């Protein structure tokens, strides 16, 4: 049965939404094509017909992950508030709705050039967003400071998610949040 163009577009959006969430929750290697199809309510054949390969789907899902997190934090217009939102328990506990850098950054060196290009371009856009927040406060272009802030936040989130001690996890978020707010 042939699917209408509108239905195919809806399916594509659903696949991308679910893939971006699942990849952030489980990692690239932790998500197979069958799981992606099941989450989107489609067959793995539908995924291949839309994207051709898991790698192409991953590239688009990474872009979607950055876009959805960017929309979530895009209305924040203060560097301290941005740091507080990023280094929060809610963000730590919901990687599927969170930052792709913290969720997938450690896996990117092993991905294709196409996936890494999407990731790199999105990191540069994130740097620009953080630099704009810092610019409001400092009155100069702080691109290097924005990179340091992004790297610290992502590293802190990765570490807070990795440890098995809830108190240590909370402490990692708190001390990094305080450090970055003093530095900003």
N, C-alpha and C. Protein backbone atom coordinates (compact mmCIF):
# COMPACT_ATOMS: atom_id res chain seq x y z
N UNK A 1 0.84 -1.18 0.00
CA UNK A 1 0.00 0.00 0.00
C UNK A 1 0.88 1.24 0.00
N UNK A 2 0.64 2.12 -0.94
CA UNK A 2 1.43 3.33 -1.07
C UNK A 2 1.01 4.35 0.00
N UNK A 3 2.02 5.01 0.56
CA UNK A 3 1.79 6.02 1.60
C UNK A 3 1.77 7.39 0.94
N UNK A 4 0.82 8.24 1.34
CA UNK A 4 0.75 9.59 0.77
C UNK A 4 1.98 10.39 1.19
N UNK A 5 2.25 11.45 0.43
CA UNK A 5 3.39 12.32 0.75
C UNK A 5 3.24 12.94 2.14
N UNK A 6 2.01 13.30 2.48
CA UNK A 6 1.77 13.90 3.80
C UNK A 6 2.05 12.89 4.91
N UNK A 7 1.58 11.67 4.70
CA UNK A 7 1.79 10.61 5.70
C UNK A 7 3.27 10.26 5.79
N UNK A 8 3.96 10.23 4.68
CA UNK A 8 5.40 9.95 4.68
C UNK A 8 6.15 11.05 5.44
N UNK A 9 5.73 12.31 5.26
CA UNK A 9 6.36 13.42 5.97
C UNK A 9 6.10 13.31 7.47
N UNK A 10 4.89 12.94 7.85
CA UNK A 10 4.56 12.74 9.28
C UNK A 10 5.40 11.60 9.86
N UNK A 11 5.51 10.51 9.12
CA UNK A 11 6.32 9.38 9.57
C UNK A 11 7.78 9.79 9.77
N UNK A 12 8.29 10.56 8.83
CA UNK A 12 9.68 11.03 8.91
C UNK A 12 9.90 11.86 10.18
N UNK A 13 8.99 12.76 10.45
CA UNK A 13 9.09 13.60 11.64
C UNK A 13 9.03 12.76 12.91
N UNK A 14 8.13 11.80 12.94
CA UNK A 14 8.00 10.92 14.10
C UNK A 14 9.28 10.09 14.29
N UNK A 15 9.83 9.58 13.21
CA UNK A 15 11.07 8.81 13.29
C UNK A 15 12.19 9.69 13.84
N UNK A 16 12.32 10.89 13.32
CA UNK A 16 13.39 11.79 13.79
C UNK A 16 13.23 12.16 15.26
N UNK A 17 11.99 12.44 15.67
CA UNK A 17 11.76 12.77 17.07
C UNK A 17 12.14 11.61 17.98
N UNK A 18 11.69 10.41 17.63
CA UNK A 18 11.98 9.24 18.45
C UNK A 18 13.46 8.88 18.40
N UNK A 19 14.07 8.96 17.24
CA UNK A 19 15.49 8.63 17.12
C UNK A 19 16.35 9.61 17.92
N UNK A 20 16.03 10.89 17.86
CA UNK A 20 16.84 11.86 18.61
C UNK A 20 16.72 11.60 20.11
N UNK A 21 15.53 11.22 20.56
CA UNK A 21 15.34 10.90 21.98
C UNK A 21 16.07 9.62 22.35
N UNK A 22 15.86 8.56 21.57
CA UNK A 22 16.46 7.27 21.90
C UNK A 22 17.98 7.30 21.84
N UNK A 23 18.54 7.94 20.84
CA UNK A 23 20.00 8.02 20.77
C UNK A 23 20.56 8.75 22.00
N UNK A 24 19.90 9.81 22.44
CA UNK A 24 20.37 10.52 23.63
C UNK A 24 20.18 9.69 24.89
N UNK A 25 19.13 8.90 24.96
CA UNK A 25 18.89 8.07 26.14
C UNK A 25 19.81 6.86 26.21
N UNK A 26 19.99 6.18 25.08
CA UNK A 26 20.67 4.88 25.08
C UNK A 26 22.03 4.87 24.40
N UNK A 27 22.37 5.94 23.69
CA UNK A 27 23.60 5.97 22.93
C UNK A 27 23.42 5.37 21.55
N UNK A 28 24.36 5.64 20.68
CA UNK A 28 24.27 5.19 19.30
C UNK A 28 24.26 3.67 19.22
N UNK A 29 25.18 3.02 19.92
CA UNK A 29 25.27 1.57 19.86
C UNK A 29 24.13 0.89 20.60
N UNK A 30 23.47 1.60 21.50
CA UNK A 30 22.39 1.03 22.28
C UNK A 30 21.03 1.06 21.60
N UNK A 31 20.99 1.55 20.37
CA UNK A 31 19.72 1.68 19.66
C UNK A 31 19.84 1.01 18.30
N UNK A 32 19.06 -0.02 18.10
CA UNK A 32 19.02 -0.69 16.81
C UNK A 32 17.88 -0.17 15.96
N UNK A 33 17.90 -0.53 14.71
CA UNK A 33 16.88 -0.09 13.78
C UNK A 33 15.50 -0.61 14.20
N UNK A 34 15.44 -1.83 14.74
CA UNK A 34 14.15 -2.37 15.18
C UNK A 34 13.56 -1.52 16.31
N UNK A 35 14.40 -1.13 17.27
CA UNK A 35 13.92 -0.29 18.38
C UNK A 35 13.46 1.07 17.88
N UNK A 36 14.17 1.62 16.92
CA UNK A 36 13.77 2.90 16.36
C UNK A 36 12.41 2.79 15.66
N UNK A 37 12.24 1.73 14.89
CA UNK A 37 10.97 1.53 14.21
C UNK A 37 9.83 1.33 15.19
N UNK A 38 10.09 0.52 16.22
CA UNK A 38 9.06 0.27 17.23
C UNK A 38 8.66 1.55 17.95
N UNK A 39 9.64 2.37 18.32
CA UNK A 39 9.34 3.62 19.03
C UNK A 39 8.51 4.56 18.16
N UNK A 40 8.77 4.54 16.86
CA UNK A 40 8.03 5.41 15.95
C UNK A 40 6.73 4.77 15.45
N UNK A 41 6.52 3.51 15.84
CA UNK A 41 5.33 2.80 15.40
C UNK A 41 5.38 2.39 13.93
N UNK A 42 6.59 2.15 13.44
CA UNK A 42 6.78 1.81 12.03
C UNK A 42 7.71 0.59 11.91
N UNK A 43 7.81 0.04 10.73
CA UNK A 43 8.72 -1.08 10.51
C UNK A 43 10.12 -0.54 10.21
N UNK A 44 11.11 -1.42 10.38
CA UNK A 44 12.47 -0.97 10.06
C UNK A 44 12.59 -0.68 8.57
N UNK A 45 11.74 -1.32 7.75
CA UNK A 45 11.72 -1.00 6.33
C UNK A 45 11.32 0.43 6.07
N UNK A 46 10.41 0.95 6.88
CA UNK A 46 10.01 2.36 6.75
C UNK A 46 11.17 3.29 7.03
N UNK A 47 11.98 2.92 8.02
CA UNK A 47 13.15 3.74 8.34
C UNK A 47 14.13 3.76 7.17
N UNK A 48 14.38 2.59 6.61
CA UNK A 48 15.31 2.53 5.48
C UNK A 48 14.77 3.25 4.26
N UNK A 49 13.45 3.19 4.06
CA UNK A 49 12.89 3.89 2.90
C UNK A 49 12.99 5.40 3.09
N UNK A 50 12.93 5.87 4.32
CA UNK A 50 13.02 7.31 4.60
C UNK A 50 14.47 7.81 4.61
N UNK A 51 15.38 6.99 5.15
CA UNK A 51 16.74 7.48 5.40
C UNK A 51 17.83 6.70 4.68
N UNK A 52 17.57 5.49 4.27
CA UNK A 52 18.56 4.71 3.54
C UNK A 52 19.53 3.94 4.41
N UNK A 53 19.87 4.50 5.57
CA UNK A 53 20.82 3.83 6.47
C UNK A 53 20.67 4.39 7.88
N UNK A 54 21.16 3.63 8.84
CA UNK A 54 21.15 4.11 10.22
C UNK A 54 22.04 5.34 10.36
N UNK A 55 23.12 5.38 9.60
CA UNK A 55 24.04 6.51 9.67
C UNK A 55 23.36 7.81 9.22
N UNK A 56 22.62 7.76 8.13
CA UNK A 56 21.90 8.95 7.67
C UNK A 56 20.83 9.36 8.68
N UNK A 57 20.16 8.37 9.25
CA UNK A 57 19.18 8.67 10.29
C UNK A 57 19.86 9.29 11.50
N UNK A 58 21.00 8.75 11.90
CA UNK A 58 21.73 9.31 13.03
C UNK A 58 22.12 10.76 12.78
N UNK A 59 22.63 11.05 11.60
CA UNK A 59 23.03 12.43 11.28
C UNK A 59 21.85 13.38 11.44
N UNK A 60 20.71 13.00 10.89
CA UNK A 60 19.54 13.88 11.00
C UNK A 60 19.00 13.92 12.42
N UNK A 61 19.07 12.80 13.13
CA UNK A 61 18.59 12.77 14.51
C UNK A 61 19.47 13.62 15.42
N UNK A 62 20.77 13.65 15.17
CA UNK A 62 21.67 14.51 15.94
C UNK A 62 21.29 15.97 15.71
N UNK A 63 21.05 16.32 14.47
CA UNK A 63 20.61 17.69 14.19
C UNK A 63 19.30 18.01 14.87
N UNK A 64 18.38 17.07 14.88
CA UNK A 64 17.09 17.25 15.55
C UNK A 64 17.28 17.40 17.05
N UNK A 65 18.17 16.61 17.64
CA UNK A 65 18.43 16.69 19.07
C UNK A 65 18.94 18.07 19.46
N UNK A 66 19.88 18.59 18.69
CA UNK A 66 20.39 19.94 18.97
C UNK A 66 19.28 20.96 18.81
N UNK A 67 18.47 20.83 17.77
CA UNK A 67 17.40 21.80 17.54
C UNK A 67 16.36 21.77 18.65
N UNK A 68 15.99 20.58 19.10
CA UNK A 68 14.96 20.51 20.14
C UNK A 68 15.49 21.03 21.48
N UNK A 69 16.74 20.73 21.82
CA UNK A 69 17.29 21.28 23.06
C UNK A 69 17.48 22.78 22.92
N UNK A 70 17.90 23.23 21.74
CA UNK A 70 18.05 24.66 21.50
C UNK A 70 16.74 25.41 21.67
N UNK A 71 15.66 24.81 21.20
CA UNK A 71 14.34 25.44 21.36
C UNK A 71 13.95 25.48 22.82
N UNK A 72 14.32 24.44 23.55
CA UNK A 72 13.98 24.37 24.97
C UNK A 72 14.69 25.45 25.79
N UNK A 73 15.96 25.70 25.47
CA UNK A 73 16.73 26.67 26.24
C UNK A 73 16.89 28.01 25.50
N UNK A 74 16.35 28.07 24.29
CA UNK A 74 16.53 29.26 23.46
C UNK A 74 15.90 30.53 24.00
N UNK A 75 14.92 30.39 24.88
CA UNK A 75 14.28 31.58 25.43
C UNK A 75 15.01 32.13 26.65
N UNK A 76 15.98 31.39 27.14
CA UNK A 76 16.76 31.86 28.29
C UNK A 76 17.69 32.96 27.82
N UNK A 77 17.61 34.12 28.46
CA UNK A 77 18.41 35.26 28.00
C UNK A 77 19.43 35.73 29.03
N UNK A 78 19.80 34.86 29.96
CA UNK A 78 20.77 35.20 30.99
C UNK A 78 21.73 34.02 31.15
N UNK A 79 23.03 34.30 31.19
CA UNK A 79 24.03 33.24 31.28
C UNK A 79 23.87 32.41 32.56
N UNK A 80 23.61 33.06 33.69
CA UNK A 80 23.45 32.31 34.94
C UNK A 80 22.24 31.38 34.88
N UNK A 81 21.15 31.86 34.30
CA UNK A 81 19.95 31.02 34.18
C UNK A 81 20.21 29.86 33.23
N UNK A 82 20.96 30.10 32.18
CA UNK A 82 21.29 29.04 31.23
C UNK A 82 22.12 27.95 31.93
N UNK A 83 23.12 28.35 32.68
CA UNK A 83 23.95 27.40 33.42
C UNK A 83 23.09 26.63 34.42
N UNK A 84 22.21 27.31 35.12
CA UNK A 84 21.35 26.65 36.11
C UNK A 84 20.43 25.63 35.46
N UNK A 85 19.88 25.97 34.32
CA UNK A 85 19.00 25.03 33.60
C UNK A 85 19.79 23.83 33.10
N UNK A 86 20.95 24.10 32.53
CA UNK A 86 21.76 23.02 31.97
C UNK A 86 22.26 22.08 33.07
N UNK A 87 22.80 22.63 34.13
CA UNK A 87 23.37 21.82 35.20
C UNK A 87 22.34 21.56 36.30
N UNK A 88 21.19 21.10 35.89
CA UNK A 88 20.11 20.81 36.82
C UNK A 88 19.88 19.30 36.94
N UNK A 89 19.26 18.91 38.03
CA UNK A 89 18.91 17.50 38.22
C UNK A 89 17.92 17.06 37.14
N UNK A 90 17.01 17.94 36.75
CA UNK A 90 16.03 17.58 35.72
C UNK A 90 16.72 17.24 34.40
N UNK A 91 17.74 18.03 34.03
CA UNK A 91 18.47 17.75 32.80
C UNK A 91 19.25 16.44 32.94
N UNK A 92 19.87 16.23 34.08
CA UNK A 92 20.62 15.00 34.32
C UNK A 92 19.71 13.77 34.18
N UNK A 93 18.51 13.87 34.71
CA UNK A 93 17.62 12.72 34.77
C UNK A 93 16.81 12.50 33.49
N UNK A 94 16.91 13.39 32.54
CA UNK A 94 16.15 13.28 31.30
C UNK A 94 17.05 13.48 30.07
N UNK A 95 18.01 12.59 29.87
CA UNK A 95 18.92 12.77 28.74
C UNK A 95 18.23 12.75 27.38
N UNK A 96 17.10 12.07 27.28
CA UNK A 96 16.39 11.99 26.01
C UNK A 96 15.84 13.31 25.54
N UNK A 97 15.67 14.26 26.46
CA UNK A 97 15.21 15.60 26.11
C UNK A 97 16.31 16.64 26.28
N UNK A 98 17.52 16.19 26.54
CA UNK A 98 18.60 17.10 26.89
C UNK A 98 19.58 17.37 25.77
N UNK A 99 20.70 17.87 26.20
CA UNK A 99 21.77 18.30 25.29
C UNK A 99 22.43 17.09 24.62
N UNK A 100 22.56 17.16 23.31
CA UNK A 100 23.20 16.09 22.55
C UNK A 100 24.69 16.00 22.85
N UNK A 101 25.32 17.10 23.22
CA UNK A 101 26.75 17.05 23.54
C UNK A 101 26.98 16.17 24.76
N UNK A 102 26.22 16.40 25.81
CA UNK A 102 26.38 15.61 27.03
C UNK A 102 25.98 14.16 26.82
N UNK A 103 24.99 13.93 25.99
CA UNK A 103 24.49 12.57 25.79
C UNK A 103 25.31 11.77 24.78
N UNK A 104 25.80 12.42 23.74
CA UNK A 104 26.43 11.70 22.64
C UNK A 104 27.86 12.10 22.32
N UNK A 105 28.35 13.13 22.98
CA UNK A 105 29.67 13.66 22.65
C UNK A 105 30.78 12.63 22.65
N UNK A 106 30.78 11.74 23.62
CA UNK A 106 31.86 10.76 23.71
C UNK A 106 31.80 9.72 22.59
N UNK A 107 30.66 9.61 21.92
CA UNK A 107 30.52 8.64 20.83
C UNK A 107 30.87 9.23 19.46
N UNK A 108 30.96 10.53 19.35
CA UNK A 108 31.14 11.15 18.04
C UNK A 108 32.47 10.81 17.36
N UNK A 109 33.57 10.63 18.07
CA UNK A 109 34.81 10.29 17.35
C UNK A 109 34.72 9.00 16.54
N UNK A 110 33.80 8.12 16.88
CA UNK A 110 33.66 6.84 16.18
C UNK A 110 32.58 6.86 15.11
N UNK A 111 32.02 8.03 14.82
CA UNK A 111 30.94 8.13 13.83
C UNK A 111 31.49 8.58 12.49
N UNK A 112 30.65 8.52 11.50
CA UNK A 112 31.03 8.91 10.13
C UNK A 112 31.30 10.40 10.04
N UNK A 113 31.96 10.78 8.95
CA UNK A 113 32.22 12.20 8.71
C UNK A 113 30.92 12.99 8.65
N UNK A 114 29.90 12.42 8.04
CA UNK A 114 28.62 13.12 7.90
C UNK A 114 28.00 13.40 9.27
N UNK A 115 28.02 12.43 10.15
CA UNK A 115 27.46 12.61 11.49
C UNK A 115 28.29 13.63 12.26
N UNK A 116 29.60 13.50 12.18
CA UNK A 116 30.48 14.44 12.89
C UNK A 116 30.33 15.87 12.38
N UNK A 117 30.08 16.02 11.09
CA UNK A 117 29.87 17.36 10.51
C UNK A 117 28.61 17.99 11.08
N UNK A 118 27.53 17.23 11.14
CA UNK A 118 26.28 17.75 11.73
C UNK A 118 26.54 18.13 13.19
N UNK A 119 27.22 17.28 13.92
CA UNK A 119 27.52 17.53 15.33
C UNK A 119 28.37 18.80 15.48
N UNK A 120 29.42 18.90 14.68
CA UNK A 120 30.31 20.07 14.75
C UNK A 120 29.57 21.36 14.44
N UNK A 121 28.77 21.35 13.39
CA UNK A 121 28.01 22.55 13.03
C UNK A 121 27.07 22.96 14.17
N UNK A 122 26.47 21.97 14.81
CA UNK A 122 25.55 22.27 15.91
C UNK A 122 26.31 22.79 17.13
N UNK A 123 27.49 22.26 17.39
CA UNK A 123 28.31 22.79 18.49
C UNK A 123 28.66 24.26 18.23
N UNK A 124 28.99 24.58 17.00
CA UNK A 124 29.30 25.97 16.67
C UNK A 124 28.09 26.89 16.87
N UNK A 125 26.91 26.40 16.53
CA UNK A 125 25.69 27.20 16.78
C UNK A 125 25.46 27.34 18.28
N UNK A 126 25.72 26.30 19.04
CA UNK A 126 25.57 26.37 20.50
C UNK A 126 26.56 27.36 21.08
N UNK A 127 27.79 27.33 20.58
CA UNK A 127 28.79 28.29 21.04
C UNK A 127 28.31 29.71 20.77
N UNK A 128 27.75 29.94 19.61
CA UNK A 128 27.25 31.28 19.28
C UNK A 128 26.14 31.70 20.22
N UNK A 129 25.24 30.77 20.57
CA UNK A 129 24.14 31.08 21.49
C UNK A 129 24.70 31.46 22.86
N UNK A 130 25.64 30.68 23.36
CA UNK A 130 26.23 30.98 24.68
C UNK A 130 27.04 32.27 24.60
N UNK A 131 27.75 32.49 23.51
CA UNK A 131 28.52 33.73 23.36
C UNK A 131 27.60 34.95 23.40
N UNK A 132 26.41 34.84 22.79
CA UNK A 132 25.46 35.96 22.86
C UNK A 132 25.03 36.24 24.30
N UNK A 133 24.84 35.19 25.08
CA UNK A 133 24.48 35.38 26.48
C UNK A 133 25.61 36.07 27.24
N UNK A 134 26.83 35.66 26.97
CA UNK A 134 27.98 36.27 27.63
C UNK A 134 28.22 37.69 27.14
N UNK A 135 27.96 37.94 25.87
CA UNK A 135 28.14 39.26 25.29
C UNK A 135 27.26 40.30 26.00
N UNK A 136 26.05 39.90 26.36
CA UNK A 136 25.14 40.80 27.07
C UNK A 136 25.79 41.29 28.36
N UNK A 137 26.52 40.41 29.00
CA UNK A 137 27.12 40.73 30.28
C UNK A 137 28.46 41.46 30.14
N UNK A 138 29.25 41.08 29.15
CA UNK A 138 30.63 41.57 29.07
C UNK A 138 30.85 42.67 28.06
N UNK A 139 30.02 42.74 27.06
CA UNK A 139 30.18 43.78 26.06
C UNK A 139 31.29 43.51 25.06
N UNK A 140 31.82 42.30 25.02
CA UNK A 140 32.82 41.93 24.02
C UNK A 140 32.49 40.51 23.54
N UNK A 141 33.09 40.13 22.43
CA UNK A 141 32.80 38.82 21.84
C UNK A 141 33.57 37.72 22.57
N UNK A 142 32.88 36.92 23.35
CA UNK A 142 33.54 35.92 24.19
C UNK A 142 33.46 34.49 23.64
N UNK A 143 33.84 34.27 22.37
CA UNK A 143 33.70 32.94 21.78
C UNK A 143 34.50 31.87 22.52
N UNK A 144 35.73 32.20 22.91
CA UNK A 144 36.54 31.20 23.62
C UNK A 144 35.94 30.90 24.99
N UNK A 145 35.43 31.92 25.67
CA UNK A 145 34.78 31.69 26.95
C UNK A 145 33.52 30.83 26.78
N UNK A 146 32.82 31.04 25.69
CA UNK A 146 31.62 30.24 25.41
C UNK A 146 31.99 28.78 25.18
N UNK A 147 33.10 28.53 24.47
CA UNK A 147 33.56 27.15 24.28
C UNK A 147 33.91 26.50 25.60
N UNK A 148 34.62 27.23 26.46
CA UNK A 148 35.00 26.69 27.77
C UNK A 148 33.75 26.41 28.61
N UNK A 149 32.78 27.28 28.51
CA UNK A 149 31.53 27.08 29.26
C UNK A 149 30.79 25.86 28.76
N UNK A 150 30.66 25.72 27.43
CA UNK A 150 29.99 24.54 26.86
C UNK A 150 30.69 23.25 27.26
N UNK A 151 32.02 23.25 27.15
CA UNK A 151 32.78 22.04 27.47
C UNK A 151 32.65 21.69 28.95
N UNK A 152 32.68 22.67 29.81
CA UNK A 152 32.54 22.43 31.24
C UNK A 152 31.15 21.90 31.57
N UNK A 153 30.12 22.52 30.99
CA UNK A 153 28.75 22.06 31.27
C UNK A 153 28.54 20.63 30.77
N UNK A 154 28.97 20.35 29.55
CA UNK A 154 28.79 19.00 28.99
C UNK A 154 29.58 17.98 29.79
N UNK A 155 30.81 18.30 30.13
CA UNK A 155 31.63 17.38 30.92
C UNK A 155 31.04 17.15 32.30
N UNK A 156 30.55 18.19 32.91
CA UNK A 156 29.93 18.04 34.23
C UNK A 156 28.68 17.17 34.14
N UNK A 157 27.87 17.36 33.10
CA UNK A 157 26.66 16.56 32.95
C UNK A 157 27.02 15.10 32.69
N UNK A 158 28.01 14.85 31.83
CA UNK A 158 28.42 13.47 31.57
C UNK A 158 28.90 12.80 32.85
N UNK A 159 29.70 13.50 33.63
CA UNK A 159 30.24 12.95 34.87
C UNK A 159 29.13 12.74 35.90
N UNK A 160 28.22 13.69 36.02
CA UNK A 160 27.11 13.55 36.97
C UNK A 160 26.22 12.37 36.61
N UNK A 161 26.06 12.10 35.32
CA UNK A 161 25.26 10.94 34.90
C UNK A 161 26.02 9.63 35.08
N UNK A 162 27.33 9.69 35.04
CA UNK A 162 28.15 8.46 35.05
C UNK A 162 28.34 7.87 36.45
N UNK A 163 28.41 8.70 37.48
CA UNK A 163 28.68 8.18 38.81
C UNK A 163 27.45 7.51 39.40
N UNK A 164 27.68 6.54 40.29
CA UNK A 164 26.55 5.82 40.88
C UNK A 164 26.17 6.34 42.26
N UNK A 165 26.76 7.42 42.68
CA UNK A 165 26.50 8.02 43.99
C UNK A 165 25.67 9.29 43.79
N UNK A 166 24.39 9.28 44.18
CA UNK A 166 23.53 10.45 43.96
C UNK A 166 24.05 11.73 44.60
N UNK A 167 24.63 11.63 45.77
CA UNK A 167 25.16 12.83 46.43
C UNK A 167 26.34 13.40 45.65
N UNK A 168 27.21 12.53 45.18
CA UNK A 168 28.34 12.99 44.38
C UNK A 168 27.83 13.60 43.07
N UNK A 169 26.85 13.00 42.46
CA UNK A 169 26.28 13.52 41.23
C UNK A 169 25.72 14.93 41.45
N UNK A 170 24.96 15.11 42.52
CA UNK A 170 24.43 16.43 42.85
C UNK A 170 25.55 17.43 43.09
N UNK A 171 26.59 16.98 43.76
CA UNK A 171 27.73 17.86 44.09
C UNK A 171 28.46 18.30 42.83
N UNK A 172 28.64 17.38 41.89
CA UNK A 172 29.29 17.72 40.62
C UNK A 172 28.51 18.85 39.93
N UNK A 173 27.20 18.70 39.86
CA UNK A 173 26.38 19.73 39.22
C UNK A 173 26.49 21.05 39.98
N UNK A 174 26.42 20.99 41.29
CA UNK A 174 26.44 22.21 42.10
C UNK A 174 27.77 22.96 41.99
N UNK A 175 28.88 22.27 42.15
CA UNK A 175 30.17 22.98 42.12
C UNK A 175 30.46 23.52 40.72
N UNK A 176 30.10 22.81 39.70
CA UNK A 176 30.31 23.31 38.34
C UNK A 176 29.39 24.49 38.04
N UNK A 177 28.16 24.40 38.51
CA UNK A 177 27.22 25.52 38.34
C UNK A 177 27.77 26.77 39.03
N UNK A 178 28.22 26.64 40.27
CA UNK A 178 28.78 27.78 40.99
C UNK A 178 30.02 28.34 40.29
N UNK A 179 30.89 27.44 39.85
CA UNK A 179 32.11 27.87 39.18
C UNK A 179 31.79 28.67 37.91
N UNK A 180 30.89 28.15 37.10
CA UNK A 180 30.56 28.82 35.85
C UNK A 180 29.81 30.13 36.08
N UNK A 181 28.98 30.19 37.09
CA UNK A 181 28.27 31.44 37.35
C UNK A 181 29.22 32.51 37.87
N UNK A 182 30.23 32.12 38.61
CA UNK A 182 31.25 33.10 39.02
C UNK A 182 32.06 33.57 37.82
N UNK A 183 32.38 32.63 36.94
CA UNK A 183 33.20 32.95 35.76
C UNK A 183 32.44 33.76 34.71
N UNK A 184 31.14 33.54 34.63
CA UNK A 184 30.34 34.25 33.61
C UNK A 184 30.20 35.71 33.98
